[in-house]
Amino acid sequence: MVMKRLKKFLKRKARPQKPPEVEVQRQHHLQDDYEQAMLAISFAEAGAPDQAVEVMRQYGKRKILVVTQEDAFTESVIDYATGLAERLGYELVALNVGTAPSNKVVSAYQEHMREEFQERAAQAAAPLAEKAAARHIPLTHVVKFGDVAKAVEAIKREYRRIELMITDSRIKKEELPARVNLPVFSLKTHQ
């Protein structure tokens, strides 16, 4: 009897704890804050204050992620994001997400189209940058290609402390699955 129970217990213990399709991510902890502060202090003591400021800038302040699938941000998104960031004292991270190449090998034409999208996105982000600068809000502009949810996850890992996301209604809810663990403010465009 005891052997049966022991075998049953060992079988249960040997099973995988989670299905393979479940993604486990380590969440932000107090230890991470401490490590980042110590890294910044190390840079500052070593005579590299610019790197110390950059470490604290990327990790220290809370941020709002502004996302569009187009090469330009709508005026309503620009106004709302800068106003909210100013009131909350947050920084802005602007993200343009372009379409991914249709196949794994990027052709010269597809590379040219990517470069054009990046140029248009940089030019279109200028009004957002001007409005943010006028309100003394730090802004970082990033262009990514591919799936919106994957791009948002990559930005969340790269730029710490993103608290919420603002987008226009052109991004569909299906493109932002539940794994994007941020409050999302989707503004309707009236065009």
Protein backbone atom coordinates (compact mmCIF):
# COMPACT_ATOMS: atom_id res chain seq x y z
CA MET A 1 0.00 0.00 0.00
CA VAL A 2 2.73 2.43 0.94
CA MET A 3 4.70 1.57 -2.22
CA LYS A 4 1.67 2.33 -4.41
CA ARG A 5 1.23 5.71 -2.80
CA LEU A 6 4.94 6.45 -3.11
CA LYS A 7 4.97 5.51 -6.82
CA LYS A 8 1.89 7.63 -7.43
CA PHE A 9 3.47 10.56 -5.63
CA LEU A 10 6.70 10.22 -7.63
CA LYS A 11 4.78 10.09 -10.92
CA ARG A 12 2.93 13.25 -10.02
CA LYS A 13 6.18 14.95 -9.03
CA ALA A 14 7.86 13.99 -12.35
CA ARG A 15 5.18 15.62 -14.51
CA PRO A 16 5.99 19.03 -15.95
CA GLN A 17 4.76 21.87 -13.76
CA LYS A 18 3.48 23.96 -16.66
CA PRO A 19 2.44 23.34 -20.25
CA PRO A 20 5.15 24.19 -22.81
CA GLU A 21 3.06 26.97 -24.38
CA VAL A 22 2.96 28.91 -21.09
CA GLU A 23 5.52 31.69 -20.98
CA VAL A 24 7.00 32.50 -17.58
CA GLN A 25 8.59 35.90 -17.11
CA ARG A 26 10.37 37.23 -14.08
CA GLN A 27 8.63 40.29 -12.73
CA HIS A 28 10.35 43.46 -11.54
CA HIS A 29 11.57 43.25 -7.93
CA LEU A 30 13.17 45.49 -5.34
CA GLN A 31 16.47 43.69 -5.99
CA ASP A 32 16.38 45.00 -9.59
CA ASP A 33 16.01 48.58 -8.31
CA TYR A 34 18.95 48.09 -5.99
CA GLU A 35 21.14 46.60 -8.73
CA GLN A 36 20.36 49.46 -11.13
CA ALA A 37 21.10 52.07 -8.46
CA MET A 38 24.41 50.38 -7.66
CA LEU A 39 25.30 50.27 -11.36
CA ALA A 40 24.60 53.99 -11.70
CA ILE A 41 26.65 54.73 -8.58
CA SER A 42 29.52 52.65 -9.95
CA PHE A 43 29.51 54.62 -13.20
CA ALA A 44 29.38 57.91 -11.30
CA GLU A 45 32.27 56.96 -9.00
CA ALA A 46 34.34 55.74 -11.97
CA GLY A 47 34.13 59.17 -13.59
CA ALA A 48 31.45 58.36 -16.15
CA PRO A 49 28.51 60.57 -15.10
CA ASP A 50 26.86 60.43 -18.52
CA GLN A 51 26.51 56.65 -18.30
CA ALA A 52 25.22 56.95 -14.72
CA VAL A 53 22.58 59.44 -15.82
CA GLU A 54 21.60 57.18 -18.74
CA VAL A 55 21.21 54.14 -16.44
CA MET A 56 19.01 56.08 -14.06
CA ARG A 57 17.09 57.73 -16.90
CA GLN A 58 16.23 54.40 -18.51
CA TYR A 59 15.35 52.74 -15.26
CA GLY A 60 14.46 55.51 -12.88
CA LYS A 61 11.40 57.35 -14.17
CA ARG A 62 8.05 55.91 -15.03
CA LYS A 63 7.14 55.93 -18.68
CA ILE A 64 4.13 56.02 -20.97
CA LEU A 65 4.36 53.97 -24.16
CA VAL A 66 2.74 55.64 -27.19
CA VAL A 67 2.15 53.10 -29.99
CA THR A 68 1.03 53.30 -33.60
CA GLN A 69 1.11 50.86 -36.49
CA GLU A 70 1.42 53.72 -38.93
CA ASP A 71 4.37 55.97 -39.61
CA ALA A 72 2.64 58.92 -37.87
CA PHE A 73 0.91 59.58 -34.56
CA THR A 74 -2.54 61.18 -34.62
CA GLU A 75 -2.95 64.66 -33.18
CA SER A 76 -5.33 63.38 -30.49
CA VAL A 77 -2.75 60.80 -29.34
CA ILE A 78 0.01 63.44 -29.26
CA ASP A 79 -2.12 65.85 -27.21
CA TYR A 80 -3.37 63.21 -24.80
CA ALA A 81 0.05 61.58 -24.27
CA THR A 82 1.93 64.82 -23.65
CA GLY A 83 -0.79 66.18 -21.36
CA LEU A 84 -0.93 62.99 -19.31
CA ALA A 85 2.88 62.68 -19.11
CA GLU A 86 3.14 66.28 -17.95
CA ARG A 87 0.50 65.84 -15.25
CA LEU A 88 1.99 62.57 -13.97
CA GLY A 89 5.65 63.53 -14.38
CA TYR A 90 6.30 60.56 -16.67
CA GLU A 91 8.61 60.17 -19.66
CA LEU A 92 7.35 59.16 -23.11
CA VAL A 93 8.49 56.27 -25.29
CA ALA A 94 7.06 56.59 -28.81
CA LEU A 95 6.87 53.34 -30.81
CA ASN A 96 6.11 52.99 -34.51
CA VAL A 97 5.47 49.37 -35.52
CA GLY A 98 5.96 48.55 -39.20
CA THR A 99 4.87 45.40 -40.98
CA ALA A 100 7.24 42.47 -40.90
CA PRO A 101 8.71 41.10 -44.15
CA SER A 102 6.56 38.42 -45.74
CA ASN A 103 9.33 35.83 -45.71
CA LYS A 104 12.34 35.16 -43.49
CA VAL A 105 14.87 36.41 -46.02
CA VAL A 106 14.71 40.20 -46.32
CA SER A 107 15.08 41.30 -49.94
CA ALA A 108 16.72 44.55 -51.03
CA TYR A 109 13.28 46.01 -51.79
CA GLN A 110 11.96 45.07 -48.35
CA GLU A 111 15.04 46.60 -46.74
CA HIS A 112 14.46 49.78 -48.76
CA MET A 113 10.82 49.88 -47.62
CA ARG A 114 11.93 49.44 -43.99
CA GLU A 115 14.39 52.33 -44.30
CA GLU A 116 11.70 54.54 -45.85
CA PHE A 117 9.29 53.64 -43.03
CA GLN A 118 11.94 54.54 -40.45
CA GLU A 119 12.56 57.91 -42.13
CA ARG A 120 8.83 58.70 -42.35
CA ALA A 121 8.35 57.63 -38.74
CA ALA A 122 11.22 59.85 -37.56
CA GLN A 123 9.78 62.83 -39.46
CA ALA A 124 6.27 62.12 -38.19
CA ALA A 125 7.51 61.86 -34.58
CA ALA A 126 8.85 65.43 -34.77
CA PRO A 127 5.53 67.07 -33.71
CA LEU A 128 5.38 64.74 -30.70
CA ALA A 129 9.00 65.56 -29.85
CA GLU A 130 8.34 69.31 -30.15
CA LYS A 131 5.26 69.17 -27.95
CA ALA A 132 7.10 67.01 -25.39
CA ALA A 133 10.12 69.35 -25.38
CA ALA A 134 7.86 72.38 -24.88
CA ARG A 135 6.47 70.68 -21.76
CA HIS A 136 9.93 69.45 -20.60
CA ILE A 137 9.03 65.78 -21.07
CA PRO A 138 11.84 63.41 -22.04
CA LEU A 139 10.95 61.45 -25.20
CA THR A 140 12.52 58.38 -26.77
CA HIS A 141 11.45 57.38 -30.29
CA VAL A 142 11.75 53.73 -31.41
CA VAL A 143 10.81 51.93 -34.63
CA LYS A 144 10.21 48.16 -34.63
CA PHE A 145 8.90 45.75 -37.24
CA GLY A 146 6.58 42.77 -36.84
CA ASP A 147 3.84 41.86 -34.41
CA VAL A 148 2.56 44.72 -32.23
CA ALA A 149 2.38 42.61 -29.06
CA LYS A 150 5.94 41.32 -29.51
CA ALA A 151 7.21 44.83 -30.18
CA VAL A 152 5.50 46.11 -27.01
CA GLU A 153 6.99 43.27 -24.96
CA ALA A 154 10.46 44.02 -26.35
CA ILE A 155 10.07 47.70 -25.46
CA LYS A 156 8.88 46.81 -21.95
CA ARG A 157 12.03 44.75 -21.42
CA GLU A 158 14.33 47.35 -22.97
CA TYR A 159 12.87 50.46 -21.32
CA ARG A 160 11.95 49.64 -17.75
CA ARG A 161 9.04 51.03 -15.75
CA ILE A 162 6.50 51.46 -18.52
CA GLU A 163 3.29 52.00 -16.63
CA LEU A 164 0.66 52.40 -19.35
CA MET A 165 0.14 52.45 -23.09
CA ILE A 166 -1.63 54.98 -25.32
CA THR A 167 -2.62 54.11 -28.87
CA ASP A 168 -5.06 55.15 -31.51
CA SER A 169 -7.99 53.03 -32.60
CA ARG A 170 -6.14 51.73 -35.67
CA ILE A 171 -4.57 48.97 -33.56
CA LYS A 172 -7.08 46.17 -33.16
CA LYS A 173 -7.74 44.53 -29.81
CA GLU A 174 -6.84 41.13 -31.29
CA GLU A 175 -3.31 42.40 -31.96
CA LEU A 176 -2.78 43.14 -28.28
CA PRO A 177 -3.33 39.83 -26.50
CA ALA A 178 -3.66 39.49 -22.75
CA ARG A 179 0.08 39.00 -22.35
CA VAL A 180 0.58 42.74 -22.89
CA ASN A 181 0.16 43.41 -19.21
CA LEU A 182 -0.41 47.17 -19.36
CA PRO A 183 -3.41 49.43 -19.07
CA VAL A 184 -4.18 50.45 -22.67
CA PHE A 185 -5.83 53.75 -23.55
CA SER A 186 -7.13 53.55 -27.12
CA LEU A 187 -8.18 56.92 -28.52
CA LYS A 188 -10.70 57.09 -31.34
CA THR A 189 -9.63 59.03 -34.38
CA HIS A 190 -12.08 61.35 -36.09
CA GLN A 191 -10.79 61.54 -39.65
